[in-house]
Amino acid sequence: GQPAYTPSTVVVTCEIVKVPVAFMLLVAECQLGLVGTAVKVYSDTVKQPLEAAKLMVPSALYVLQNNLVLVAANNLEGPILAVTAQVKILTTAFFTVIILKRSLRRSQWAALAFLFVGVAMVQVSQMNIVIEMGDTEQRSEGGDADADASSVSNAGESGGDGGTKNMMLGLTAEI
């Protein structure tokens, strides 16, 4: 029936919780006390509206991204969601080097290589699970090749809760 939550409610709740947490961290960092930190936040935001407005663009994009991550989580299996999240790190590093002309240290390249190997291993293991699921169904049912092929192609679309997951929607939202 009804979902337990709506993605936008989750994102708004998370953002509301972040405000007092961020303020308390700022209090600890500035060491100005509660009132002094509140005055600093007021002078940095309300008294400088153009500077505060500059922060609204990445903030709005961040909220949109969080909504899309929840859409992806509802439409992708866990390992596939994790793999696509790791691929985003690789592409971000790649575009940082290409577009921003920044260089990465050898240790950073090594970490990215390990990440790539890990992503590849998860992907291969997922492919093996889907293939094994098809083999098991074929042996247990004695079914024909067409039925086996359809079960393998649909293996990633059905959730464990009996619901249907839309893999393309999930991948599009995650990327």
N, C-alpha and C. Protein backbone atom coordinates (compact mmCIF):
# COMPACT_ATOMS: atom_id res chain seq x y z
N GLY A 1 0.79 -1.17 0.00
CA GLY A 1 0.00 0.00 0.00
C GLY A 1 0.85 1.26 0.00
N GLN A 2 0.58 2.08 1.00
CA GLN A 2 1.24 3.38 1.11
C GLN A 2 2.68 3.23 1.58
N PRO A 3 3.59 4.04 1.03
CA PRO A 3 4.97 4.01 1.55
C PRO A 3 5.01 4.55 2.98
N ALA A 4 5.98 4.11 3.73
CA ALA A 4 6.12 4.53 5.13
C ALA A 4 6.51 6.00 5.24
N TYR A 5 7.06 6.56 4.18
CA TYR A 5 7.52 7.94 4.19
C TYR A 5 7.56 8.45 2.77
N THR A 6 7.63 9.76 2.63
CA THR A 6 7.86 10.34 1.31
C THR A 6 9.28 10.87 1.29
N PRO A 7 9.96 10.73 0.17
CA PRO A 7 11.36 11.18 0.10
C PRO A 7 11.56 12.63 0.50
N SER A 8 10.66 13.51 0.09
CA SER A 8 10.84 14.92 0.43
C SER A 8 10.75 15.15 1.94
N THR A 9 9.90 14.39 2.63
CA THR A 9 9.79 14.53 4.08
C THR A 9 11.09 14.10 4.76
N VAL A 10 11.69 13.02 4.28
CA VAL A 10 12.95 12.55 4.85
C VAL A 10 14.03 13.60 4.66
N VAL A 11 14.13 14.16 3.47
CA VAL A 11 15.17 15.16 3.19
C VAL A 11 14.97 16.40 4.03
N VAL A 12 13.73 16.91 4.13
CA VAL A 12 13.47 18.11 4.93
C VAL A 12 13.79 17.84 6.40
N THR A 13 13.40 16.67 6.90
CA THR A 13 13.68 16.34 8.30
C THR A 13 15.19 16.30 8.55
N CYS A 14 15.92 15.69 7.64
CA CYS A 14 17.39 15.65 7.78
C CYS A 14 17.98 17.06 7.79
N GLU A 15 17.49 17.91 6.91
CA GLU A 15 18.01 19.27 6.85
C GLU A 15 17.67 20.04 8.12
N ILE A 16 16.48 19.83 8.67
CA ILE A 16 16.09 20.52 9.91
C ILE A 16 16.97 20.06 11.07
N VAL A 17 17.30 18.77 11.11
CA VAL A 17 18.16 18.25 12.18
C VAL A 17 19.58 18.81 12.04
N LYS A 18 20.03 19.03 10.81
CA LYS A 18 21.39 19.51 10.59
C LYS A 18 21.62 20.93 11.13
N VAL A 19 20.59 21.76 11.13
CA VAL A 19 20.76 23.16 11.54
C VAL A 19 21.25 23.28 12.98
N PRO A 20 20.58 22.68 13.96
CA PRO A 20 21.11 22.82 15.32
C PRO A 20 22.45 22.11 15.52
N VAL A 21 22.64 20.99 14.83
CA VAL A 21 23.92 20.29 14.95
C VAL A 21 25.05 21.16 14.40
N ALA A 22 24.82 21.75 13.23
CA ALA A 22 25.84 22.62 12.64
C ALA A 22 26.08 23.85 13.52
N PHE A 23 25.03 24.38 14.11
CA PHE A 23 25.20 25.55 14.99
C PHE A 23 26.04 25.19 16.21
N MET A 24 25.79 24.03 16.79
CA MET A 24 26.57 23.62 17.96
C MET A 24 28.04 23.39 17.59
N LEU A 25 28.29 22.83 16.41
CA LEU A 25 29.67 22.66 15.96
C LEU A 25 30.34 24.02 15.73
N LEU A 26 29.57 24.97 15.21
CA LEU A 26 30.10 26.32 15.01
C LEU A 26 30.40 26.99 16.36
N VAL A 27 29.55 26.77 17.34
CA VAL A 27 29.80 27.30 18.69
C VAL A 27 31.12 26.77 19.22
N ALA A 28 31.33 25.46 19.05
CA ALA A 28 32.57 24.85 19.53
C ALA A 28 33.79 25.37 18.77
N GLU A 29 33.63 25.58 17.46
CA GLU A 29 34.76 26.03 16.63
C GLU A 29 35.11 27.49 16.90
N CYS A 30 34.11 28.34 16.96
CA CYS A 30 34.36 29.78 17.13
C CYS A 30 34.71 30.15 18.57
N GLN A 31 34.28 29.37 19.50
CA GLN A 31 34.52 29.63 20.91
C GLN A 31 34.04 31.02 21.33
N LEU A 32 32.87 31.39 20.82
CA LEU A 32 32.28 32.68 21.14
C LEU A 32 31.08 32.54 22.07
N GLY A 33 30.72 31.33 22.41
CA GLY A 33 29.51 31.11 23.19
C GLY A 33 28.29 31.12 22.29
N LEU A 34 27.13 30.82 22.86
CA LEU A 34 25.90 30.75 22.06
C LEU A 34 25.52 32.10 21.47
N VAL A 35 25.53 33.13 22.31
CA VAL A 35 25.11 34.46 21.84
C VAL A 35 26.10 35.01 20.83
N GLY A 36 27.39 34.89 21.10
CA GLY A 36 28.41 35.39 20.17
C GLY A 36 28.35 34.69 18.82
N THR A 37 28.10 33.39 18.85
CA THR A 37 27.98 32.64 17.59
C THR A 37 26.72 33.04 16.84
N ALA A 38 25.62 33.26 17.56
CA ALA A 38 24.38 33.69 16.92
C ALA A 38 24.57 35.06 16.26
N VAL A 39 25.28 35.95 16.93
CA VAL A 39 25.56 37.27 16.35
C VAL A 39 26.41 37.12 15.09
N LYS A 40 27.41 36.24 15.14
CA LYS A 40 28.28 36.00 13.98
C LYS A 40 27.47 35.45 12.80
N VAL A 41 26.61 34.48 13.06
CA VAL A 41 25.77 33.90 12.00
C VAL A 41 24.87 34.98 11.42
N TYR A 42 24.28 35.81 12.28
CA TYR A 42 23.42 36.91 11.82
C TYR A 42 24.19 37.87 10.93
N SER A 43 25.38 38.27 11.36
CA SER A 43 26.16 39.24 10.57
C SER A 43 26.67 38.64 9.26
N ASP A 44 26.92 37.33 9.26
CA ASP A 44 27.42 36.68 8.04
C ASP A 44 26.32 36.34 7.04
N THR A 45 25.07 36.31 7.50
CA THR A 45 23.98 35.91 6.60
C THR A 45 23.01 37.05 6.34
N VAL A 46 22.36 37.53 7.36
CA VAL A 46 21.32 38.55 7.19
C VAL A 46 21.91 39.87 6.74
N LYS A 47 23.04 40.24 7.28
CA LYS A 47 23.66 41.53 6.91
C LYS A 47 24.42 41.46 5.59
N GLN A 48 24.63 40.24 5.07
CA GLN A 48 25.31 40.06 3.78
C GLN A 48 24.46 39.14 2.90
N PRO A 49 23.32 39.64 2.43
CA PRO A 49 22.39 38.77 1.70
C PRO A 49 22.96 38.20 0.39
N LEU A 50 23.83 38.94 -0.28
CA LEU A 50 24.40 38.41 -1.52
C LEU A 50 25.29 37.20 -1.24
N GLU A 51 26.05 37.26 -0.17
CA GLU A 51 26.90 36.12 0.19
C GLU A 51 26.04 34.92 0.57
N ALA A 52 24.96 35.18 1.31
CA ALA A 52 24.06 34.09 1.70
C ALA A 52 23.36 33.51 0.47
N ALA A 53 23.00 34.39 -0.49
CA ALA A 53 22.32 33.92 -1.70
C ALA A 53 23.22 33.01 -2.52
N LYS A 54 24.52 33.25 -2.50
CA LYS A 54 25.46 32.39 -3.24
C LYS A 54 25.42 30.96 -2.72
N LEU A 55 25.09 30.80 -1.46
CA LEU A 55 25.03 29.46 -0.87
C LEU A 55 23.74 28.73 -1.20
N MET A 56 22.75 29.46 -1.70
CA MET A 56 21.46 28.83 -1.97
C MET A 56 21.50 27.90 -3.17
N VAL A 57 22.32 28.19 -4.16
CA VAL A 57 22.39 27.33 -5.34
C VAL A 57 22.93 25.94 -4.98
N PRO A 58 24.12 25.84 -4.35
CA PRO A 58 24.56 24.49 -3.99
C PRO A 58 23.64 23.83 -2.97
N SER A 59 23.01 24.62 -2.11
CA SER A 59 22.09 24.04 -1.13
C SER A 59 20.88 23.42 -1.81
N ALA A 60 20.31 24.12 -2.78
CA ALA A 60 19.16 23.59 -3.51
C ALA A 60 19.55 22.34 -4.30
N LEU A 61 20.73 22.36 -4.89
CA LEU A 61 21.19 21.17 -5.63
C LEU A 61 21.41 19.99 -4.68
N TYR A 62 21.87 20.27 -3.48
CA TYR A 62 22.09 19.23 -2.49
C TYR A 62 20.77 18.59 -2.07
N VAL A 63 19.75 19.40 -1.86
CA VAL A 63 18.42 18.88 -1.51
C VAL A 63 17.87 18.03 -2.66
N LEU A 64 18.03 18.51 -3.89
CA LEU A 64 17.59 17.74 -5.05
C LEU A 64 18.33 16.40 -5.13
N GLN A 65 19.64 16.43 -4.91
CA GLN A 65 20.43 15.20 -4.94
C GLN A 65 19.95 14.22 -3.87
N ASN A 66 19.67 14.70 -2.68
CA ASN A 66 19.20 13.82 -1.62
C ASN A 66 17.86 13.19 -1.97
N ASN A 67 16.96 13.94 -2.60
CA ASN A 67 15.69 13.38 -3.06
C ASN A 67 15.93 12.29 -4.11
N LEU A 68 16.85 12.56 -5.03
CA LEU A 68 17.14 11.58 -6.08
C LEU A 68 17.80 10.31 -5.52
N VAL A 69 18.61 10.46 -4.49
CA VAL A 69 19.21 9.29 -3.86
C VAL A 69 18.13 8.41 -3.24
N LEU A 70 17.12 9.02 -2.64
CA LEU A 70 16.03 8.23 -2.07
C LEU A 70 15.21 7.54 -3.16
N VAL A 71 15.01 8.21 -4.29
CA VAL A 71 14.32 7.57 -5.41
C VAL A 71 15.14 6.38 -5.89
N ALA A 72 16.45 6.57 -6.00
CA ALA A 72 17.32 5.48 -6.42
C ALA A 72 17.28 4.33 -5.43
N ALA A 73 17.30 4.65 -4.13
CA ALA A 73 17.27 3.60 -3.11
C ALA A 73 15.98 2.79 -3.17
N ASN A 74 14.88 3.42 -3.56
CA ASN A 74 13.61 2.70 -3.69
C ASN A 74 13.55 1.84 -4.94
N ASN A 75 14.40 2.12 -5.93
CA ASN A 75 14.29 1.43 -7.21
C ASN A 75 15.50 0.57 -7.57
N LEU A 76 16.50 0.51 -6.71
CA LEU A 76 17.69 -0.29 -6.98
C LEU A 76 17.96 -1.25 -5.83
N GLU A 77 18.57 -2.36 -6.14
CA GLU A 77 19.03 -3.26 -5.11
C GLU A 77 20.21 -2.61 -4.40
N GLY A 78 20.45 -2.99 -3.16
CA GLY A 78 21.51 -2.40 -2.34
C GLY A 78 22.88 -2.38 -2.98
N PRO A 79 23.38 -3.54 -3.47
CA PRO A 79 24.73 -3.53 -4.06
C PRO A 79 24.84 -2.64 -5.29
N ILE A 80 23.80 -2.60 -6.09
CA ILE A 80 23.86 -1.76 -7.30
C ILE A 80 23.87 -0.29 -6.90
N LEU A 81 23.09 0.07 -5.89
CA LEU A 81 23.11 1.45 -5.39
C LEU A 81 24.49 1.81 -4.88
N ALA A 82 25.11 0.89 -4.14
CA ALA A 82 26.45 1.15 -3.60
C ALA A 82 27.47 1.30 -4.72
N VAL A 83 27.37 0.46 -5.74
CA VAL A 83 28.31 0.53 -6.87
C VAL A 83 28.17 1.87 -7.59
N THR A 84 26.95 2.29 -7.86
CA THR A 84 26.79 3.57 -8.57
C THR A 84 27.28 4.74 -7.72
N ALA A 85 27.11 4.66 -6.41
CA ALA A 85 27.63 5.72 -5.55
C ALA A 85 29.16 5.78 -5.63
N GLN A 86 29.80 4.62 -5.68
CA GLN A 86 31.26 4.60 -5.79
C GLN A 86 31.73 5.08 -7.15
N VAL A 87 30.97 4.78 -8.19
CA VAL A 87 31.33 5.25 -9.52
C VAL A 87 31.27 6.77 -9.57
N LYS A 88 30.34 7.37 -8.82
CA LYS A 88 30.28 8.84 -8.78
C LYS A 88 31.58 9.42 -8.23
N ILE A 89 32.18 8.75 -7.26
CA ILE A 89 33.46 9.23 -6.71
C ILE A 89 34.54 9.19 -7.80
N LEU A 90 34.56 8.10 -8.55
CA LEU A 90 35.56 7.98 -9.63
C LEU A 90 35.37 9.06 -10.69
N THR A 91 34.13 9.29 -11.11
CA THR A 91 33.91 10.29 -12.14
C THR A 91 34.20 11.70 -11.62
N THR A 92 33.90 11.95 -10.35
CA THR A 92 34.22 13.26 -9.77
C THR A 92 35.73 13.49 -9.78
N ALA A 93 36.50 12.48 -9.41
CA ALA A 93 37.96 12.61 -9.44
C ALA A 93 38.45 12.83 -10.87
N PHE A 94 37.89 12.09 -11.81
CA PHE A 94 38.29 12.22 -13.21
C PHE A 94 38.02 13.64 -13.71
N PHE A 95 36.83 14.16 -13.45
CA PHE A 95 36.50 15.50 -13.93
C PHE A 95 37.25 16.58 -13.16
N THR A 96 37.63 16.31 -11.92
CA THR A 96 38.45 17.26 -11.18
C THR A 96 39.80 17.44 -11.86
N VAL A 97 40.35 16.33 -12.34
CA VAL A 97 41.64 16.39 -13.04
C VAL A 97 41.48 17.02 -14.42
N ILE A 98 40.46 16.60 -15.17
CA ILE A 98 40.30 17.06 -16.55
C ILE A 98 39.80 18.51 -16.62
N ILE A 99 38.72 18.81 -15.91
CA ILE A 99 38.09 20.13 -16.05
C ILE A 99 38.77 21.18 -15.18
N LEU A 100 39.03 20.84 -13.93
CA LEU A 100 39.60 21.83 -13.01
C LEU A 100 41.12 21.88 -13.07
N LYS A 101 41.71 20.99 -13.82
CA LYS A 101 43.18 20.95 -14.00
C LYS A 101 43.91 20.79 -12.67
N ARG A 102 43.32 20.02 -11.78
CA ARG A 102 43.99 19.74 -10.51
C ARG A 102 44.69 18.40 -10.61
N SER A 103 45.76 18.26 -9.86
CA SER A 103 46.49 17.00 -9.89
C SER A 103 46.19 16.21 -8.62
N LEU A 104 46.27 14.91 -8.74
CA LEU A 104 46.08 14.02 -7.60
C LEU A 104 47.41 13.39 -7.23
N ARG A 105 47.61 13.18 -5.93
CA ARG A 105 48.82 12.51 -5.47
C ARG A 105 48.75 11.04 -5.82
N ARG A 106 49.90 10.38 -5.80
CA ARG A 106 49.94 8.94 -6.10
C ARG A 106 49.06 8.15 -5.15
N SER A 107 49.05 8.54 -3.88
CA SER A 107 48.22 7.82 -2.91
C SER A 107 46.74 7.97 -3.25
N GLN A 108 46.34 9.13 -3.79
CA GLN A 108 44.95 9.32 -4.19
C GLN A 108 44.61 8.48 -5.41
N TRP A 109 45.54 8.41 -6.37
CA TRP A 109 45.32 7.55 -7.54
C TRP A 109 45.24 6.09 -7.11
N ALA A 110 46.09 5.69 -6.16
CA ALA A 110 46.06 4.30 -5.67
C ALA A 110 44.72 4.02 -4.99
N ALA A 111 44.23 4.96 -4.19
CA ALA A 111 42.93 4.78 -3.54
C ALA A 111 41.82 4.65 -4.57
N LEU A 112 41.88 5.45 -5.62
CA LEU A 112 40.87 5.36 -6.69
C LEU A 112 40.97 4.03 -7.42
N ALA A 113 42.19 3.54 -7.62
CA ALA A 113 42.37 2.24 -8.27
C ALA A 113 41.76 1.13 -7.41
N PHE A 114 42.02 1.17 -6.10
CA PHE A 114 41.41 0.18 -5.21
C PHE A 114 39.89 0.27 -5.22
N LEU A 115 39.38 1.49 -5.26
CA LEU A 115 37.94 1.68 -5.33
C LEU A 115 37.38 1.07 -6.61
N PHE A 116 38.07 1.30 -7.73
CA PHE A 116 37.63 0.75 -9.01
C PHE A 116 37.62 -0.78 -8.97
N VAL A 117 38.66 -1.36 -8.40
CA VAL A 117 38.72 -2.83 -8.29
C VAL A 117 37.58 -3.34 -7.42
N GLY A 118 37.32 -2.66 -6.31
CA GLY A 118 36.22 -3.06 -5.45
C GLY A 118 34.87 -2.97 -6.14
N VAL A 119 34.65 -1.89 -6.89
CA VAL A 119 33.41 -1.73 -7.65
C VAL A 119 33.28 -2.84 -8.68
N ALA A 120 34.36 -3.13 -9.36
CA ALA A 120 34.33 -4.20 -10.37
C ALA A 120 34.03 -5.55 -9.74
N MET A 121 34.62 -5.82 -8.57
CA MET A 121 34.38 -7.10 -7.90
C MET A 121 32.91 -7.24 -7.47
N VAL A 122 32.33 -6.18 -6.96
CA VAL A 122 30.91 -6.22 -6.57
C VAL A 122 30.04 -6.44 -7.80
N GLN A 123 30.37 -5.76 -8.89
CA GLN A 123 29.58 -5.90 -10.11
C GLN A 123 29.65 -7.33 -10.63
N VAL A 124 30.84 -7.90 -10.65
CA VAL A 124 31.00 -9.28 -11.13
C VAL A 124 30.25 -10.25 -10.22
N SER A 125 30.32 -10.04 -8.91
CA SER A 125 29.61 -10.94 -8.00
C SER A 125 28.10 -10.81 -8.19
N GLN A 126 27.60 -9.61 -8.45
CA GLN A 126 26.17 -9.44 -8.72
C GLN A 126 25.77 -10.15 -10.00
N MET A 127 26.62 -10.07 -11.02
CA MET A 127 26.31 -10.76 -12.27
C MET A 127 26.27 -12.27 -12.04
N ASN A 128 27.19 -12.78 -11.22
CA ASN A 128 27.21 -14.21 -10.93
C ASN A 128 25.96 -14.64 -10.17
N ILE A 129 25.47 -13.81 -9.25
CA ILE A 129 24.26 -14.13 -8.49
C ILE A 129 23.07 -14.22 -9.42
N VAL A 130 22.95 -13.27 -10.34
CA VAL A 130 21.83 -13.28 -11.28
C VAL A 130 21.90 -14.51 -12.17
N ILE A 131 23.09 -14.86 -12.65
CA ILE A 131 23.24 -16.04 -13.49
C ILE A 131 22.92 -17.30 -12.70
N GLU A 132 23.40 -17.38 -11.45
CA GLU A 132 23.10 -18.54 -10.63
C GLU A 132 21.62 -18.65 -10.33
N MET A 133 20.93 -17.54 -10.14
CA MET A 133 19.49 -17.57 -9.92
C MET A 133 18.79 -18.19 -11.11
N GLY A 134 19.23 -17.82 -12.30
CA GLY A 134 18.64 -18.38 -13.51
C GLY A 134 18.92 -19.86 -13.63
N ASP A 135 20.15 -20.30 -13.30
CA ASP A 135 20.49 -21.71 -13.37
C ASP A 135 19.67 -22.51 -12.36
N THR A 136 19.48 -21.99 -11.18
CA THR A 136 18.71 -22.69 -10.14
C THR A 136 17.26 -22.85 -10.58
N GLU A 137 16.67 -21.79 -11.13
CA GLU A 137 15.28 -21.87 -11.59
C GLU A 137 15.14 -22.87 -12.72
N GLN A 138 16.12 -22.92 -13.62
CA GLN A 138 16.04 -23.84 -14.74
C GLN A 138 16.11 -25.28 -14.25
N ARG A 139 17.02 -25.56 -13.29
CA ARG A 139 17.15 -26.92 -12.77
C ARG A 139 15.91 -27.33 -11.98
N SER A 140 15.38 -26.42 -11.16
CA SER A 140 14.25 -26.80 -10.31
C SER A 140 12.96 -26.94 -11.10
N GLU A 141 12.79 -26.14 -12.15
CA GLU A 141 11.55 -26.19 -12.92
C GLU A 141 11.68 -27.04 -14.18
N GLY A 142 12.91 -27.31 -14.56
CA GLY A 142 13.10 -28.02 -15.83
C GLY A 142 12.60 -27.19 -16.98
N GLY A 143 12.61 -25.87 -16.81
CA GLY A 143 12.03 -24.95 -17.79
C GLY A 143 12.87 -24.83 -19.04
N ASP A 144 12.32 -24.13 -20.03
CA ASP A 144 13.03 -23.94 -21.28
C ASP A 144 13.93 -22.72 -21.22
N ALA A 145 14.71 -22.52 -22.25
CA ALA A 145 15.70 -21.44 -22.27
C ALA A 145 15.04 -20.07 -22.27
N ASP A 146 13.86 -19.94 -22.92
CA ASP A 146 13.19 -18.64 -22.96
C ASP A 146 12.74 -18.21 -21.56
N ALA A 147 12.20 -19.14 -20.79
CA ALA A 147 11.77 -18.82 -19.43
C ALA A 147 12.96 -18.44 -18.57
N ASP A 148 14.09 -19.16 -18.77
CA ASP A 148 15.29 -18.85 -17.99
C ASP A 148 15.82 -17.48 -18.34
N ALA A 149 15.82 -17.14 -19.60
CA ALA A 149 16.33 -15.84 -20.01
C ALA A 149 15.47 -14.71 -19.44
N SER A 150 14.16 -14.92 -19.43
CA SER A 150 13.32 -13.86 -18.89
C SER A 150 13.49 -13.73 -17.38
N SER A 151 13.75 -14.85 -16.69
CA SER A 151 13.93 -14.74 -15.25
C SER A 151 15.25 -14.05 -14.93
N VAL A 152 16.28 -14.27 -15.73
CA VAL A 152 17.55 -13.59 -15.50
C VAL A 152 17.41 -12.10 -15.80
N SER A 153 16.70 -11.75 -16.87
CA SER A 153 16.57 -10.34 -17.21
C SER A 153 15.68 -9.60 -16.22
N ASN A 154 14.74 -10.29 -15.58
CA ASN A 154 13.86 -9.65 -14.62
C ASN A 154 14.36 -9.74 -13.20
N ALA A 155 15.48 -10.44 -12.97
CA ALA A 155 15.96 -10.64 -11.61
C ALA A 155 16.26 -9.34 -10.90
N GLY A 156 16.74 -8.34 -11.60
CA GLY A 156 17.08 -7.07 -10.97
C GLY A 156 15.91 -6.13 -10.82
N GLU A 157 14.74 -6.50 -11.35
CA GLU A 157 13.61 -5.59 -11.33
C GLU A 157 12.65 -5.85 -10.18
N SER A 158 12.72 -7.00 -9.55
CA SER A 158 11.76 -7.32 -8.51
C SER A 158 12.42 -7.20 -7.16
N GLY A 159 11.79 -6.50 -6.26
CA GLY A 159 12.33 -6.33 -4.92
C GLY A 159 12.03 -7.54 -4.06
N GLY A 160 12.79 -7.69 -2.97
CA GLY A 160 12.59 -8.80 -2.07
C GLY A 160 11.27 -8.68 -1.32
N ASP A 161 10.66 -7.51 -1.31
CA ASP A 161 9.41 -7.33 -0.58
C ASP A 161 8.20 -7.63 -1.44
N GLY A 162 8.43 -8.18 -2.62
CA GLY A 162 7.32 -8.50 -3.50
C GLY A 162 6.94 -7.35 -4.40
N GLY A 163 7.49 -6.17 -4.15
CA GLY A 163 7.20 -5.01 -4.98
C GLY A 163 8.06 -5.01 -6.22
N THR A 164 7.71 -4.15 -7.15
CA THR A 164 8.48 -4.06 -8.37
C THR A 164 9.40 -2.86 -8.28
N LYS A 165 10.65 -3.06 -8.67
CA LYS A 165 11.62 -1.97 -8.67
C LYS A 165 11.94 -1.62 -10.11
N ASN A 166 12.05 -0.35 -10.38
CA ASN A 166 12.38 0.13 -11.70
C ASN A 166 13.86 0.46 -11.72
N MET A 167 14.67 -0.45 -12.28
CA MET A 167 16.13 -0.29 -12.26
C MET A 167 16.57 0.93 -13.06
N MET A 168 15.96 1.20 -14.20
CA MET A 168 16.39 2.34 -15.00
C MET A 168 16.08 3.65 -14.28
N LEU A 169 14.93 3.75 -13.64
CA LEU A 169 14.61 4.94 -12.87
C LEU A 169 15.61 5.11 -11.73
N GLY A 170 15.92 4.04 -11.05
CA GLY A 170 16.88 4.10 -9.94
C GLY A 170 18.26 4.53 -10.39
N LEU A 171 18.75 3.94 -11.50
CA LEU A 171 20.08 4.30 -12.00
C LEU A 171 20.11 5.75 -12.48
N THR A 172 19.04 6.18 -13.15
CA THR A 172 18.98 7.57 -13.62
C THR A 172 18.99 8.53 -12.43
N ALA A 173 18.23 8.21 -11.39
CA ALA A 173 18.20 9.08 -10.21
C ALA A 173 19.54 9.10 -9.50
N GLU A 174 20.23 7.98 -9.44
CA GLU A 174 21.50 7.90 -8.72
C GLU A 174 22.61 8.60 -9.48
N ILE A 175 22.60 8.51 -10.78
CA ILE A 175 23.67 9.13 -11.57
C ILE A 175 23.42 10.60 -11.66
